[in-house]
Amino acid sequence: MYRYGVPPAEAAMMALGRIREVYGIRELALNESDRTVRVEYDATRLTEPTVHGLLRRSGLDIVERVSLIPPQPQPESAPQPAAS
């Protein structure tokens, strides 16, 4: 998933539509309210830098990569036994 800055213009939207035709791209979903684009791809055919490059070349203003895995809480440490 990537966050974009400027909403895509018509030409960028058309280019994004053509990305779906790239062998290995399974799904592409834009969320206009969050300004994100989620790309599902076959990792045996494409790499993340390749997908990122496809999005940039389409004219989409990519700002950052967003992790789909939420931050994990740190485990609480066990209380130390009292010294005797």
Protein backbone atom coordinates (compact mmCIF):
# COMPACT_ATOMS: atom_id res chain seq x y z
CA MET A 1 0.00 0.00 0.00
CA TYR A 2 1.19 3.49 -0.84
CA ARG A 3 0.01 6.94 0.20
CA TYR A 4 -0.16 9.61 -2.47
CA GLY A 5 -0.17 13.39 -2.15
CA VAL A 6 -1.90 15.10 -5.05
CA PRO A 7 -5.05 13.32 -6.27
CA PRO A 8 -4.41 11.68 -9.65
CA ALA A 9 -5.43 13.56 -12.79
CA GLU A 10 -7.41 11.89 -15.56
CA ALA A 11 -4.25 10.84 -17.44
CA ALA A 12 -2.83 9.22 -14.28
CA MET A 13 -6.11 7.38 -13.68
CA MET A 14 -6.00 6.01 -17.22
CA ALA A 15 -2.37 4.92 -16.71
CA LEU A 16 -3.33 3.24 -13.43
CA GLY A 17 -6.00 1.33 -15.30
CA ARG A 18 -3.35 0.04 -17.68
CA ILE A 19 -1.20 -1.15 -14.76
CA ARG A 20 -3.87 -3.76 -14.10
CA GLU A 21 -2.92 -5.32 -17.43
CA VAL A 22 0.70 -5.90 -16.33
CA TYR A 23 1.40 -9.60 -15.93
CA GLY A 24 1.63 -10.24 -12.18
CA ILE A 25 -0.64 -7.42 -10.99
CA ARG A 26 -3.66 -9.04 -9.38
CA GLU A 27 -5.58 -6.07 -7.99
CA LEU A 28 -5.26 -2.32 -7.71
CA ALA A 29 -7.58 -0.35 -5.39
CA LEU A 30 -7.61 3.40 -4.78
CA ASN A 31 -9.03 4.84 -1.57
CA GLU A 32 -9.59 8.52 -2.28
CA SER A 33 -10.55 9.47 1.29
CA ASP A 34 -7.32 8.01 2.75
CA ARG A 35 -5.28 8.91 -0.35
CA THR A 36 -3.92 5.40 -0.61
CA VAL A 37 -3.50 2.86 -3.38
CA ARG A 38 -3.30 -0.84 -2.54
CA VAL A 39 -1.63 -3.13 -5.05
CA GLU A 40 -1.83 -6.89 -4.82
CA TYR A 41 0.79 -8.54 -6.99
CA ASP A 42 2.43 -11.90 -7.60
CA ALA A 43 5.80 -11.69 -5.83
CA THR A 44 7.17 -14.49 -8.02
CA ARG A 45 6.68 -12.22 -11.06
CA LEU A 46 7.25 -8.69 -9.69
CA THR A 47 9.18 -7.01 -6.89
CA GLU A 48 8.08 -4.13 -4.68
CA PRO A 49 10.50 -1.66 -6.35
CA THR A 50 9.04 -2.64 -9.75
CA VAL A 51 5.47 -2.02 -8.55
CA HIS A 52 6.55 1.28 -7.00
CA GLY A 53 8.13 2.28 -10.32
CA LEU A 54 4.96 1.40 -12.25
CA LEU A 55 2.93 3.65 -9.96
CA ARG A 56 5.42 6.54 -10.25
CA ARG A 57 5.53 6.26 -14.05
CA SER A 58 1.74 6.37 -14.17
CA GLY A 59 1.94 9.90 -12.76
CA LEU A 60 0.74 9.08 -9.24
CA ASP A 61 2.37 11.32 -6.61
CA ILE A 62 3.66 8.60 -4.24
CA VAL A 63 4.53 10.06 -0.84
CA GLU A 64 5.24 6.96 1.24
CA ARG A 65 4.90 3.21 1.49
CA VAL A 66 2.33 2.15 4.10
CA SER A 67 2.78 -1.10 5.99
CA LEU A 68 -0.28 -3.34 6.11
CA ILE A 69 1.01 -4.96 9.31
CA PRO A 70 0.07 -2.90 12.38
CA PRO A 71 2.80 -2.19 14.94
CA GLN A 72 3.09 -5.01 17.45
CA PRO A 73 2.89 -4.21 21.17
CA GLN A 74 6.02 -4.77 23.21
CA PRO A 75 5.72 -7.74 25.57
CA GLU A 76 5.47 -6.81 29.21
CA SER A 77 8.51 -7.85 31.16
CA ALA A 78 7.97 -10.34 34.00
CA PRO A 79 8.34 -8.91 37.50
CA GLN A 80 11.78 -9.47 38.98
CA PRO A 81 11.88 -11.68 42.10
CA ALA A 82 12.75 -9.85 45.28
CA ALA A 83 16.36 -10.21 46.43
CA SER A 84 16.76 -12.26 49.63
